[in-house]
């Protein structure tokens, strides 16, 4: 069992940022977000991270699920 404490989260965050910097250095600015997303996803998976893309999160307002979803990267 992995203990998810502050050090664990910091370690994961460092790995994600490292991958993001590598994508930026390789591709530079100005491309569509979808291009950066697939490249970042590949690097994070190659680094051993578990990655989900375009995760659907329903919008709930005052206990009522509305006809709108957020799309998250996880």
PDB file of N, CA and C in Angstrom:
ATOM      1  N   UNK A   1       0.844  -1.186   0.000  1.00  0.00           N
ATOM      2  CA  UNK A   1       0.000   0.000   0.000  1.00  0.00           C
ATOM      3  C   UNK A   1       0.886   1.244   0.000  1.00  0.00           C
ATOM      4  N   UNK A   2       0.569   2.188  -0.879  1.00  0.00           N
ATOM      5  CA  UNK A   2       1.316   3.435  -0.964  1.00  0.00           C
ATOM      6  C   UNK A   2       0.696   4.446  -0.013  1.00  0.00           C
ATOM      7  N   UNK A   3       1.519   5.028   0.845  1.00  0.00           N
ATOM      8  CA  UNK A   3       1.040   6.076   1.747  1.00  0.00           C
ATOM      9  C   UNK A   3       1.108   7.401   0.988  1.00  0.00           C
ATOM     10  N   UNK A   4      -0.044   8.022   0.824  1.00  0.00           N
ATOM     11  CA  UNK A   4      -0.122   9.265   0.058  1.00  0.00           C
ATOM     12  C   UNK A   4      -0.054  10.455   0.999  1.00  0.00           C
ATOM     13  N   UNK A   5       1.164  10.847   1.303  1.00  0.00           N
ATOM     14  CA  UNK A   5       1.375  12.000   2.164  1.00  0.00           C
ATOM     15  C   UNK A   5       1.943  13.152   1.325  1.00  0.00           C
ATOM     16  N   UNK A   6       2.323  14.213   1.971  1.00  0.00           N
ATOM     17  CA  UNK A   6       2.823  15.396   1.260  1.00  0.00           C
ATOM     18  C   UNK A   6       4.045  15.066   0.409  1.00  0.00           C
ATOM     19  N   UNK A   7       4.945  14.245   0.922  1.00  0.00           N
ATOM     20  CA  UNK A   7       6.133  13.874   0.146  1.00  0.00           C
ATOM     21  C   UNK A   7       5.769  13.102  -1.114  1.00  0.00           C
ATOM     22  N   UNK A   8       4.782  12.219  -1.010  1.00  0.00           N
ATOM     23  CA  UNK A   8       4.327  11.452  -2.167  1.00  0.00           C
ATOM     24  C   UNK A   8       3.764  12.392  -3.235  1.00  0.00           C
ATOM     25  N   UNK A   9       2.884  13.312  -2.814  1.00  0.00           N
ATOM     26  CA  UNK A   9       2.298  14.264  -3.763  1.00  0.00           C
ATOM     27  C   UNK A   9       3.375  15.162  -4.380  1.00  0.00           C
ATOM     28  N   UNK A  10       4.333  15.595  -3.582  1.00  0.00           N
ATOM     29  CA  UNK A  10       5.421  16.424  -4.115  1.00  0.00           C
ATOM     30  C   UNK A  10       6.240  15.660  -5.147  1.00  0.00           C
ATOM     31  N   UNK A  11       6.490  14.395  -4.899  1.00  0.00           N
ATOM     32  CA  UNK A  11       7.247  13.566  -5.833  1.00  0.00           C
ATOM     33  C   UNK A  11       6.508  13.417  -7.161  1.00  0.00           C
ATOM     34  N   UNK A  12       5.218  13.144  -7.098  1.00  0.00           N
ATOM     35  CA  UNK A  12       4.404  13.026  -8.316  1.00  0.00           C
ATOM     36  C   UNK A  12       4.384  14.358  -9.068  1.00  0.00           C
ATOM     37  N   UNK A  13       4.204  15.442  -8.330  1.00  0.00           N
ATOM     38  CA  UNK A  13       4.165  16.774  -8.938  1.00  0.00           C
ATOM     39  C   UNK A  13       5.472  17.077  -9.664  1.00  0.00           C
ATOM     40  N   UNK A  14       6.592  16.755  -9.048  1.00  0.00           N
ATOM     41  CA  UNK A  14       7.890  16.983  -9.682  1.00  0.00           C
ATOM     42  C   UNK A  14       8.019  16.202 -10.985  1.00  0.00           C
ATOM     43  N   UNK A  15       7.562  14.966 -10.988  1.00  0.00           N
ATOM     44  CA  UNK A  15       7.631  14.144 -12.198  1.00  0.00           C
ATOM     45  C   UNK A  15       6.759  14.723 -13.306  1.00  0.00           C
ATOM     46  N   UNK A  16       5.572  15.191 -12.957  1.00  0.00           N
ATOM     47  CA  UNK A  16       4.663  15.776 -13.948  1.00  0.00           C
ATOM     48  C   UNK A  16       5.263  17.056 -14.524  1.00  0.00           C
ATOM     49  N   UNK A  17       5.775  17.914 -13.664  1.00  0.00           N
ATOM     50  CA  UNK A  17       6.378  19.173 -14.123  1.00  0.00           C
ATOM     51  C   UNK A  17       7.576  18.896 -15.019  1.00  0.00           C
ATOM     52  N   UNK A  18       8.405  17.916 -14.647  1.00  0.00           N
ATOM     53  CA  UNK A  18       9.550  17.542 -15.472  1.00  0.00           C
ATOM     54  C   UNK A  18       9.096  17.141 -16.879  1.00  0.00           C
ATOM     55  N   UNK A  19       8.050  16.339 -16.963  1.00  0.00           N
ATOM     56  CA  UNK A  19       7.513  15.928 -18.263  1.00  0.00           C
ATOM     57  C   UNK A  19       6.979  17.126 -19.046  1.00  0.00           C
ATOM     58  N   UNK A  20       6.276  18.017 -18.367  1.00  0.00           N
ATOM     59  CA  UNK A  20       5.718  19.193 -19.026  1.00  0.00           C
ATOM     60  C   UNK A  20       6.822  20.095 -19.583  1.00  0.00           C
ATOM     61  N   UNK A  21       7.883  20.274 -18.825  1.00  0.00           N
ATOM     62  CA  UNK A  21       9.008  21.087 -19.286  1.00  0.00           C
ATOM     63  C   UNK A  21       9.656  20.440 -20.503  1.00  0.00           C
ATOM     64  N   UNK A  22       9.791  19.118 -20.474  1.00  0.00           N
ATOM     65  CA  UNK A  22      10.384  18.409 -21.611  1.00  0.00           C
ATOM     66  C   UNK A  22       9.546  18.595 -22.875  1.00  0.00           C
ATOM     67  N   UNK A  23       8.221  18.514 -22.745  1.00  0.00           N
ATOM     68  CA  UNK A  23       7.334  18.738 -23.896  1.00  0.00           C
ATOM     69  C   UNK A  23       7.504  20.165 -24.410  1.00  0.00           C
ATOM     70  N   UNK A  24       7.515  21.135 -23.509  1.00  0.00           N
ATOM     71  CA  UNK A  24       7.646  22.536 -23.911  1.00  0.00           C
ATOM     72  C   UNK A  24       8.983  22.791 -24.614  1.00  0.00           C
ATOM     73  N   UNK A  25      10.064  22.224 -24.080  1.00  0.00           N
ATOM     74  CA  UNK A  25      11.380  22.406 -24.704  1.00  0.00           C
ATOM     75  C   UNK A  25      11.420  21.804 -26.101  1.00  0.00           C
ATOM     76  N   UNK A  26      10.766  20.670 -26.268  1.00  0.00           N
ATOM     77  CA  UNK A  26      10.771  19.976 -27.558  1.00  0.00           C
ATOM     78  C   UNK A  26       9.877  20.667 -28.589  1.00  0.00           C
ATOM     79  N   UNK A  27       8.681  21.077 -28.169  1.00  0.00           N
ATOM     80  CA  UNK A  27       7.693  21.610 -29.121  1.00  0.00           C
ATOM     81  C   UNK A  27       7.624  23.128 -29.171  1.00  0.00           C
ATOM     82  N   UNK A  28       7.978  23.785 -28.068  1.00  0.00           N
ATOM     83  CA  UNK A  28       7.857  25.236 -28.018  1.00  0.00           C
ATOM     84  C   UNK A  28       6.402  25.660 -27.896  1.00  0.00           C
ATOM     85  N   UNK A  29       6.169  26.973 -27.944  1.00  0.00           N
ATOM     86  CA  UNK A  29       4.809  27.503 -27.794  1.00  0.00           C
ATOM     87  C   UNK A  29       4.046  27.518 -29.122  1.00  0.00           C
ATOM     88  N   UNK A  30       2.732  27.703 -29.016  1.00  0.00           N
ATOM     89  CA  UNK A  30       1.930  28.015 -30.190  1.00  0.00           C
ATOM     90  C   UNK A  30       1.141  26.883 -30.800  1.00  0.00           C
ATOM     91  N   UNK A  31       1.251  25.666 -30.280  1.00  0.00           N
ATOM     92  CA  UNK A  31       0.484  24.561 -30.847  1.00  0.00           C
ATOM     93  C   UNK A  31      -0.849  24.417 -30.129  1.00  0.00           C
ATOM     94  N   UNK A  32      -1.717  23.613 -30.703  1.00  0.00           N
ATOM     95  CA  UNK A  32      -3.010  23.363 -30.075  1.00  0.00           C
ATOM     96  C   UNK A  32      -2.813  22.545 -28.801  1.00  0.00           C
ATOM     97  N   UNK A  33      -3.671  22.763 -27.829  1.00  0.00           N
ATOM     98  CA  UNK A  33      -3.585  22.064 -26.553  1.00  0.00           C
ATOM     99  C   UNK A  33      -3.606  20.548 -26.743  1.00  0.00           C
ATOM    100  N   UNK A  34      -4.375  20.066 -27.720  1.00  0.00           N
ATOM    101  CA  UNK A  34      -4.490  18.622 -27.937  1.00  0.00           C
ATOM    102  C   UNK A  34      -3.145  17.994 -28.304  1.00  0.00           C
ATOM    103  N   UNK A  35      -2.275  18.741 -28.973  1.00  0.00           N
ATOM    104  CA  UNK A  35      -0.946  18.236 -29.325  1.00  0.00           C
ATOM    105  C   UNK A  35      -0.105  18.083 -28.057  1.00  0.00           C
ATOM    106  N   UNK A  36      -0.101  19.126 -27.224  1.00  0.00           N
ATOM    107  CA  UNK A  36       0.646  19.054 -25.966  1.00  0.00           C
ATOM    108  C   UNK A  36       0.099  17.923 -25.082  1.00  0.00           C
ATOM    109  N   UNK A  37      -1.215  17.751 -25.080  1.00  0.00           N
ATOM    110  CA  UNK A  37      -1.840  16.732 -24.240  1.00  0.00           C
ATOM    111  C   UNK A  37      -1.335  15.331 -24.587  1.00  0.00           C
ATOM    112  N   UNK A  38      -1.330  14.968 -25.876  1.00  0.00           N
ATOM    113  CA  UNK A  38      -0.910  13.609 -26.237  1.00  0.00           C
ATOM    114  C   UNK A  38       0.576  13.405 -25.971  1.00  0.00           C
ATOM    115  N   UNK A  39       1.383  14.443 -26.186  1.00  0.00           N
ATOM    116  CA  UNK A  39       2.818  14.329 -25.912  1.00  0.00           C
ATOM    117  C   UNK A  39       3.085  14.200 -24.413  1.00  0.00           C
ATOM    118  N   UNK A  40       2.414  15.023 -23.623  1.00  0.00           N
ATOM    119  CA  UNK A  40       2.592  14.963 -22.176  1.00  0.00           C
ATOM    120  C   UNK A  40       2.110  13.632 -21.633  1.00  0.00           C
ATOM    121  N   UNK A  41       0.991  13.166 -22.144  1.00  0.00           N
ATOM    122  CA  UNK A  41       0.453  11.874 -21.703  1.00  0.00           C
ATOM    123  C   UNK A  41       1.470  10.760 -21.966  1.00  0.00           C
ATOM    124  N   UNK A  42       2.070  10.761 -23.162  1.00  0.00           N
ATOM    125  CA  UNK A  42       3.049   9.740 -23.501  1.00  0.00           C
ATOM    126  C   UNK A  42       4.247   9.774 -22.551  1.00  0.00           C
ATOM    127  N   UNK A  43       4.776  10.969 -22.301  1.00  0.00           N
ATOM    128  CA  UNK A  43       5.932  11.075 -21.410  1.00  0.00           C
ATOM    129  C   UNK A  43       5.597  10.626 -19.990  1.00  0.00           C
ATOM    130  N   UNK A  44       4.421  10.986 -19.514  1.00  0.00           N
ATOM    131  CA  UNK A  44       4.052  10.595 -18.153  1.00  0.00           C
ATOM    132  C   UNK A  44       3.865   9.083 -18.042  1.00  0.00           C
ATOM    133  N   UNK A  45       3.264   8.466 -19.054  1.00  0.00           N
ATOM    134  CA  UNK A  45       3.124   7.009 -19.056  1.00  0.00           C
ATOM    135  C   UNK A  45       4.502   6.358 -19.129  1.00  0.00           C
ATOM    136  N   UNK A  46       5.378   6.883 -19.989  1.00  0.00           N
ATOM    137  CA  UNK A  46       6.743   6.358 -20.089  1.00  0.00           C
ATOM    138  C   UNK A  46       7.489   6.479 -18.759  1.00  0.00           C
ATOM    139  N   UNK A  47       7.126   7.472 -17.951  1.00  0.00           N
ATOM    140  CA  UNK A  47       7.748   7.687 -16.645  1.00  0.00           C
ATOM    141  C   UNK A  47       7.110   6.804 -15.558  1.00  0.00           C
ATOM    142  N   UNK A  48       6.133   6.002 -15.957  1.00  0.00           N
ATOM    143  CA  UNK A  48       5.519   5.083 -15.005  1.00  0.00           C
ATOM    144  C   UNK A  48       4.312   5.628 -14.271  1.00  0.00           C
ATOM    145  N   UNK A  49       3.820   6.787 -14.691  1.00  0.00           N
ATOM    146  CA  UNK A  49       2.644   7.371 -14.044  1.00  0.00           C
ATOM    147  C   UNK A  49       1.365   6.796 -14.653  1.00  0.00           C
ATOM    148  N   UNK A  50       0.333   6.666 -13.856  1.00  0.00           N
ATOM    149  CA  UNK A  50      -0.987   6.261 -14.333  1.00  0.00           C
ATOM    150  C   UNK A  50      -1.704   7.513 -14.802  1.00  0.00           C
ATOM    151  N   UNK A  51      -2.164   7.511 -16.052  1.00  0.00           N
ATOM    152  CA  UNK A  51      -2.725   8.722 -16.649  1.00  0.00           C
ATOM    153  C   UNK A  51      -4.081   8.412 -17.279  1.00  0.00           C
ATOM    154  N   UNK A  52      -5.032   9.288 -17.036  1.00  0.00           N
ATOM    155  CA  UNK A  52      -6.314   9.266 -17.733  1.00  0.00           C
ATOM    156  C   UNK A  52      -6.467  10.618 -18.417  1.00  0.00           C
ATOM    157  N   UNK A  53      -7.084  10.612 -19.588  1.00  0.00           N
ATOM    158  CA  UNK A  53      -7.316  11.869 -20.304  1.00  0.00           C
ATOM    159  C   UNK A  53      -8.810  12.084 -20.514  1.00  0.00           C
ATOM    160  N   UNK A  54      -9.178  13.339 -20.529  1.00  0.00           N
ATOM    161  CA  UNK A  54     -10.547  13.733 -20.852  1.00  0.00           C
ATOM    162  C   UNK A  54     -11.574  13.017 -19.961  1.00  0.00           C
ATOM    163  N   UNK A  55     -11.341  13.057 -18.663  1.00  0.00           N
ATOM    164  CA  UNK A  55     -12.245  12.448 -17.691  1.00  0.00           C
ATOM    165  C   UNK A  55     -13.462  13.353 -17.515  1.00  0.00           C
ATOM    166  N   UNK A  56     -14.637  12.751 -17.546  1.00  0.00           N
ATOM    167  CA  UNK A  56     -15.892  13.507 -17.434  1.00  0.00           C
ATOM    168  C   UNK A  56     -16.264  13.665 -15.955  1.00  0.00           C
ATOM    169  N   UNK A  57     -16.537  14.892 -15.552  1.00  0.00           N
ATOM    170  CA  UNK A  57     -16.988  15.193 -14.200  1.00  0.00           C
ATOM    171  C   UNK A  57     -18.299  15.974 -14.306  1.00  0.00           C
ATOM    172  N   UNK A  58     -19.395  15.396 -13.838  1.00  0.00           N
ATOM    173  CA  UNK A  58     -20.676  16.093 -13.942  1.00  0.00           C
ATOM    174  C   UNK A  58     -20.708  17.353 -13.075  1.00  0.00           C
ATOM    175  N   UNK A  59     -21.482  18.316 -13.503  1.00  0.00           N
ATOM    176  CA  UNK A  59     -21.675  19.543 -12.736  1.00  0.00           C
ATOM    177  C   UNK A  59     -22.912  19.352 -11.857  1.00  0.00           C
ATOM    178  N   UNK A  60     -22.700  19.476 -10.549  1.00  0.00           N
ATOM    179  CA  UNK A  60     -23.803  19.364  -9.594  1.00  0.00           C
ATOM    180  C   UNK A  60     -23.928  20.705  -8.891  1.00  0.00           C
ATOM    181  N   UNK A  61     -25.118  21.286  -8.957  1.00  0.00           N
ATOM    182  CA  UNK A  61     -25.383  22.584  -8.350  1.00  0.00           C
ATOM    183  C   UNK A  61     -26.560  22.447  -7.403  1.00  0.00           C
ATOM    184  N   UNK A  62     -26.327  22.753  -6.145  1.00  0.00           N
ATOM    185  CA  UNK A  62     -27.357  22.643  -5.107  1.00  0.00           C
ATOM    186  C   UNK A  62     -28.000  21.260  -5.110  1.00  0.00           C
ATOM    187  N   UNK A  63     -27.147  20.244  -5.261  1.00  0.00           N
ATOM    188  CA  UNK A  63     -27.618  18.870  -5.202  1.00  0.00           C
ATOM    189  C   UNK A  63     -28.263  18.344  -6.465  1.00  0.00           C
ATOM    190  N   UNK A  64     -28.300  19.159  -7.517  1.00  0.00           N
ATOM    191  CA  UNK A  64     -28.939  18.743  -8.767  1.00  0.00           C
ATOM    192  C   UNK A  64     -27.874  18.638  -9.856  1.00  0.00           C
ATOM    193  N   UNK A  65     -27.816  17.474 -10.518  1.00  0.00           N
ATOM    194  CA  UNK A  65     -26.872  17.320 -11.625  1.00  0.00           C
ATOM    195  C   UNK A  65     -27.418  18.042 -12.845  1.00  0.00           C
ATOM    196  N   UNK A  66     -26.648  18.998 -13.343  1.00  0.00           N
ATOM    197  CA  UNK A  66     -27.057  19.806 -14.481  1.00  0.00           C
ATOM    198  C   UNK A  66     -26.647  19.143 -15.785  1.00  0.00           C
ATOM    199  N   UNK A  67     -27.171  19.661 -16.868  1.00  0.00           N
ATOM    200  CA  UNK A  67     -26.890  19.135 -18.203  1.00  0.00           C
ATOM    201  C   UNK A  67     -25.599  19.749 -18.746  1.00  0.00           C
ATOM    202  N   UNK A  68     -24.533  19.593 -17.972  1.00  0.00           N
ATOM    203  CA  UNK A  68     -23.220  20.125 -18.354  1.00  0.00           C
ATOM    204  C   UNK A  68     -22.168  19.326 -17.618  1.00  0.00           C
ATOM    205  N   UNK A  69     -21.068  19.036 -18.282  1.00  0.00           N
ATOM    206  CA  UNK A  69     -19.974  18.303 -17.667  1.00  0.00           C
ATOM    207  C   UNK A  69     -18.687  19.096 -17.816  1.00  0.00           C
ATOM    208  N   UNK A  70     -17.777  18.916 -16.856  1.00  0.00           N
ATOM    209  CA  UNK A  70     -16.404  19.358 -17.000  1.00  0.00           C
ATOM    210  C   UNK A  70     -15.636  18.215 -17.631  1.00  0.00           C
ATOM    211  N   UNK A  71     -14.670  18.532 -18.453  1.00  0.00           N
ATOM    212  CA  UNK A  71     -13.779  17.520 -19.003  1.00  0.00           C
ATOM    213  C   UNK A  71     -12.408  17.770 -18.408  1.00  0.00           C
ATOM    214  N   UNK A  72     -11.905  16.796 -17.641  1.00  0.00           N
ATOM    215  CA  UNK A  72     -10.652  16.945 -16.913  1.00  0.00           C
ATOM    216  C   UNK A  72      -9.566  16.069 -17.510  1.00  0.00           C
ATOM    217  N   UNK A  73      -8.340  16.465 -17.299  1.00  0.00           N
ATOM    218  CA  UNK A  73      -7.199  15.587 -17.531  1.00  0.00           C
ATOM    219  C   UNK A  73      -6.784  15.106 -16.164  1.00  0.00           C
ATOM    220  N   UNK A  74      -6.496  13.847 -16.072  1.00  0.00           N
ATOM    221  CA  UNK A  74      -6.171  13.250 -14.779  1.00  0.00           C
ATOM    222  C   UNK A  74      -4.845  12.525 -14.867  1.00  0.00           C
TER     223      UNK A  74
END
